[in-house]
Amino acid sequence: QVQLVESGGGLVQAGDSLRLSCAASGRTFGRYGMGWFRQAPGKEREFVAAINWSSVSPYYADSVKGRFTIFRDSAKNTVYLQMNSLQPKETAVYYCAANRRTGWATSLSSTDYGYWGQGTQVTVST
């Protein structure tokens, strides 16, 4: 079992950058695929980015390609989401998630992730 704690959210202006962190507990972090999702008010949770346990072929939602980067530091048991050129429509609660069952895969579906953090609020103002 793994516990996830996100941090790094906040209030920024359009065009700014922000880096989210997700610290994972447990000694088997290296066997988990990791993902970031977000949920805006009144909307469903949506996929943002994912990375498998070996950091091969990270995958991004089309809306964030070229602006967001997901990466992990296994020594720190942490996965990051670097977000550049943020837009107001990206205001949401951002969630980190861990996939143990198919950690070798880069999973886009929230149903593949068995562990979730509590979320961190990102607010982008105009």
C-alpha atoms as a PDB file:
ATOM      1  CA  GLN A   1       0.000   0.000   0.000  1.00  0.00           C
ATOM      2  CA  VAL A   2       1.158   3.528  -0.689  1.00  0.00           C
ATOM      3  CA  GLN A   3       0.085   6.902   0.619  1.00  0.00           C
ATOM      4  CA  LEU A   4       0.339   9.984  -1.557  1.00  0.00           C
ATOM      5  CA  VAL A   5       0.653  13.598  -0.487  1.00  0.00           C
ATOM      6  CA  GLU A   6       0.506  16.389  -3.061  1.00  0.00           C
ATOM      7  CA  SER A   7       1.940  19.843  -2.612  1.00  0.00           C
ATOM      8  CA  GLY A   8       2.873  22.862  -4.657  1.00  0.00           C
ATOM      9  CA  GLY A   9      -0.528  24.172  -5.634  1.00  0.00           C
ATOM     10  CA  GLY A  10      -1.450  27.811  -5.322  1.00  0.00           C
ATOM     11  CA  LEU A  11      -2.681  30.947  -7.007  1.00  0.00           C
ATOM     12  CA  VAL A  12      -0.820  32.067 -10.118  1.00  0.00           C
ATOM     13  CA  GLN A  13      -1.463  34.340 -13.054  1.00  0.00           C
ATOM     14  CA  ALA A  14      -2.086  33.227 -16.600  1.00  0.00           C
ATOM     15  CA  GLY A  15       1.188  32.351 -18.272  1.00  0.00           C
ATOM     16  CA  ASP A  16       2.948  31.498 -15.043  1.00  0.00           C
ATOM     17  CA  SER A  17       4.556  28.211 -14.101  1.00  0.00           C
ATOM     18  CA  LEU A  18       3.999  25.913 -11.159  1.00  0.00           C
ATOM     19  CA  ARG A  19       5.536  22.638 -10.057  1.00  0.00           C
ATOM     20  CA  LEU A  20       3.434  20.102  -8.215  1.00  0.00           C
ATOM     21  CA  SER A  21       4.992  17.392  -6.096  1.00  0.00           C
ATOM     22  CA  CYS A  22       3.584  14.080  -4.957  1.00  0.00           C
ATOM     23  CA  ALA A  23       5.443  12.326  -2.182  1.00  0.00           C
ATOM     24  CA  ALA A  24       4.783   8.609  -1.815  1.00  0.00           C
ATOM     25  CA  SER A  25       5.284   6.490   1.249  1.00  0.00           C
ATOM     26  CA  GLY A  26       6.413   2.896   1.112  1.00  0.00           C
ATOM     27  CA  ARG A  27       9.419   1.005  -0.176  1.00  0.00           C
ATOM     28  CA  THR A  28       7.935  -0.131  -3.474  1.00  0.00           C
ATOM     29  CA  PHE A  29       7.464   3.244  -5.126  1.00  0.00           C
ATOM     30  CA  GLY A  30       9.629   2.095  -7.990  1.00  0.00           C
ATOM     31  CA  ARG A  31       7.018  -0.497  -8.991  1.00  0.00           C
ATOM     32  CA  TYR A  32       4.173   1.993  -9.366  1.00  0.00           C
ATOM     33  CA  GLY A  33       3.053   3.780 -12.438  1.00  0.00           C
ATOM     34  CA  MET A  34       2.098   7.333 -11.542  1.00  0.00           C
ATOM     35  CA  GLY A  35      -0.415   9.761 -12.929  1.00  0.00           C
ATOM     36  CA  TRP A  36      -1.767  13.250 -12.519  1.00  0.00           C
ATOM     37  CA  PHE A  37      -5.438  14.071 -12.929  1.00  0.00           C
ATOM     38  CA  ARG A  38      -7.418  17.232 -12.358  1.00  0.00           C
ATOM     39  CA  GLN A  39     -10.977  18.138 -11.587  1.00  0.00           C
ATOM     40  CA  ALA A  40     -12.465  21.554 -12.166  1.00  0.00           C
ATOM     41  CA  PRO A  41     -15.634  22.687 -10.379  1.00  0.00           C
ATOM     42  CA  GLY A  42     -18.696  21.062 -11.896  1.00  0.00           C
ATOM     43  CA  LYS A  43     -16.646  18.874 -14.220  1.00  0.00           C
ATOM     44  CA  GLU A  44     -15.474  15.299 -14.252  1.00  0.00           C
ATOM     45  CA  ARG A  45     -11.980  14.325 -13.296  1.00  0.00           C
ATOM     46  CA  GLU A  46      -9.707  14.280 -16.321  1.00  0.00           C
ATOM     47  CA  PHE A  47      -6.367  12.779 -17.171  1.00  0.00           C
ATOM     48  CA  VAL A  48      -3.381  15.110 -17.336  1.00  0.00           C
ATOM     49  CA  ALA A  49      -0.179  13.064 -17.488  1.00  0.00           C
ATOM     50  CA  ALA A  50       1.223   9.646 -16.641  1.00  0.00           C
ATOM     51  CA  ILE A  51       4.564   7.943 -16.312  1.00  0.00           C
ATOM     52  CA  ASN A  52       5.375   4.278 -15.825  1.00  0.00           C
ATOM     53  CA  TRP A  53       7.714   2.795 -13.249  1.00  0.00           C
ATOM     54  CA  SER A  54      10.776   3.089 -15.467  1.00  0.00           C
ATOM     55  CA  SER A  55       9.993   6.625 -16.660  1.00  0.00           C
ATOM     56  CA  VAL A  56       9.774   5.396 -20.235  1.00  0.00           C
ATOM     57  CA  SER A  57       7.374   7.162 -22.593  1.00  0.00           C
ATOM     58  CA  PRO A  58       5.450   9.564 -20.381  1.00  0.00           C
ATOM     59  CA  TYR A  59       2.069  10.424 -21.805  1.00  0.00           C
ATOM     60  CA  TYR A  60       0.130  13.656 -21.783  1.00  0.00           C
ATOM     61  CA  ALA A  61      -3.337  14.883 -22.490  1.00  0.00           C
ATOM     62  CA  ASP A  62      -3.407  16.786 -25.768  1.00  0.00           C
ATOM     63  CA  SER A  63      -4.349  19.967 -23.953  1.00  0.00           C
ATOM     64  CA  VAL A  64      -1.092  20.035 -21.966  1.00  0.00           C
ATOM     65  CA  LYS A  65       1.432  18.600 -24.425  1.00  0.00           C
ATOM     66  CA  GLY A  66       4.448  20.818 -24.788  1.00  0.00           C
ATOM     67  CA  ARG A  67       3.642  22.754 -21.611  1.00  0.00           C
ATOM     68  CA  PHE A  68       3.526  20.148 -18.848  1.00  0.00           C
ATOM     69  CA  THR A  69       6.204  17.640 -17.892  1.00  0.00           C
ATOM     70  CA  ILE A  70       5.834  14.663 -15.591  1.00  0.00           C
ATOM     71  CA  PHE A  71       8.918  13.138 -14.051  1.00  0.00           C
ATOM     72  CA  ARG A  72       9.854  11.092 -11.030  1.00  0.00           C
ATOM     73  CA  ASP A  73      12.704  10.899  -8.580  1.00  0.00           C
ATOM     74  CA  SER A  74      12.797   7.401  -7.187  1.00  0.00           C
ATOM     75  CA  ALA A  75      15.433   8.323  -4.626  1.00  0.00           C
ATOM     76  CA  LYS A  76      12.934  10.760  -3.130  1.00  0.00           C
ATOM     77  CA  ASN A  77       9.829   8.646  -3.770  1.00  0.00           C
ATOM     78  CA  THR A  78       8.348  11.653  -5.502  1.00  0.00           C
ATOM     79  CA  VAL A  79       6.667  12.378  -8.797  1.00  0.00           C
ATOM     80  CA  TYR A  80       6.421  15.892 -10.150  1.00  0.00           C
ATOM     81  CA  LEU A  81       4.289  17.795 -12.580  1.00  0.00           C
ATOM     82  CA  GLN A  82       5.954  20.857 -14.053  1.00  0.00           C
ATOM     83  CA  MET A  83       3.307  23.126 -15.498  1.00  0.00           C
ATOM     84  CA  ASN A  84       4.228  26.021 -17.758  1.00  0.00           C
ATOM     85  CA  SER A  85       2.107  28.640 -19.488  1.00  0.00           C
ATOM     86  CA  LEU A  86      -0.855  27.952 -17.259  1.00  0.00           C
ATOM     87  CA  GLN A  87      -4.277  29.064 -18.418  1.00  0.00           C
ATOM     88  CA  PRO A  88      -7.314  30.092 -16.361  1.00  0.00           C
ATOM     89  CA  LYS A  89      -9.299  27.138 -17.698  1.00  0.00           C
ATOM     90  CA  GLU A  90      -6.774  24.893 -15.957  1.00  0.00           C
ATOM     91  CA  THR A  91      -7.962  25.975 -12.556  1.00  0.00           C
ATOM     92  CA  ALA A  92      -8.740  22.732 -10.767  1.00  0.00           C
ATOM     93  CA  VAL A  93      -7.836  20.405  -7.965  1.00  0.00           C
ATOM     94  CA  TYR A  94      -4.900  18.335  -9.129  1.00  0.00           C
ATOM     95  CA  TYR A  95      -4.608  14.760  -7.928  1.00  0.00           C
ATOM     96  CA  CYS A  96      -1.710  12.387  -7.897  1.00  0.00           C
ATOM     97  CA  ALA A  97      -2.431   8.680  -8.340  1.00  0.00           C
ATOM     98  CA  ALA A  98      -0.489   5.427  -8.174  1.00  0.00           C
ATOM     99  CA  ASN A  99      -0.982   2.259 -10.184  1.00  0.00           C
ATOM    100  CA  ARG A 100       0.548  -0.898  -8.728  1.00  0.00           C
ATOM    101  CA  ARG A 101      -1.331  -3.497 -10.768  1.00  0.00           C
ATOM    102  CA  THR A 102       0.060  -2.395 -14.122  1.00  0.00           C
ATOM    103  CA  GLY A 103       2.891  -0.134 -13.086  1.00  0.00           C
ATOM    104  CA  TRP A 104       4.842  -1.053 -16.222  1.00  0.00           C
ATOM    105  CA  ALA A 105       2.184   0.697 -18.295  1.00  0.00           C
ATOM    106  CA  THR A 106       1.456   4.358 -18.824  1.00  0.00           C
ATOM    107  CA  SER A 107      -2.171   4.415 -17.789  1.00  0.00           C
ATOM    108  CA  LEU A 108      -4.605   7.083 -18.889  1.00  0.00           C
ATOM    109  CA  SER A 109      -7.668   5.711 -17.150  1.00  0.00           C
ATOM    110  CA  SER A 110      -8.432   6.673 -13.586  1.00  0.00           C
ATOM    111  CA  THR A 111      -9.745   3.166 -12.988  1.00  0.00           C
ATOM    112  CA  ASP A 112      -6.214   1.795 -13.321  1.00  0.00           C
ATOM    113  CA  TYR A 113      -5.092   3.732 -10.279  1.00  0.00           C
ATOM    114  CA  GLY A 114      -5.748   2.240  -6.893  1.00  0.00           C
ATOM    115  CA  TYR A 115      -4.253   4.973  -4.751  1.00  0.00           C
ATOM    116  CA  TRP A 116      -4.988   8.677  -4.723  1.00  0.00           C
ATOM    117  CA  GLY A 117      -3.749  11.722  -2.914  1.00  0.00           C
ATOM    118  CA  GLN A 118      -5.972  14.323  -1.320  1.00  0.00           C
ATOM    119  CA  GLY A 119      -5.425  16.823  -4.112  1.00  0.00           C
ATOM    120  CA  THR A 120      -3.896  20.267  -4.317  1.00  0.00           C
ATOM    121  CA  GLN A 121      -5.702  23.358  -5.574  1.00  0.00           C
ATOM    122  CA  VAL A 122      -4.322  25.224  -8.554  1.00  0.00           C
ATOM    123  CA  THR A 123      -5.957  28.526  -9.375  1.00  0.00           C
ATOM    124  CA  VAL A 124      -4.958  30.464 -12.466  1.00  0.00           C
ATOM    125  CA  SER A 125      -6.157  34.046 -12.629  1.00  0.00           C
ATOM    126  CA  THR A 126      -6.494  36.218 -15.723  1.00  0.00           C
END
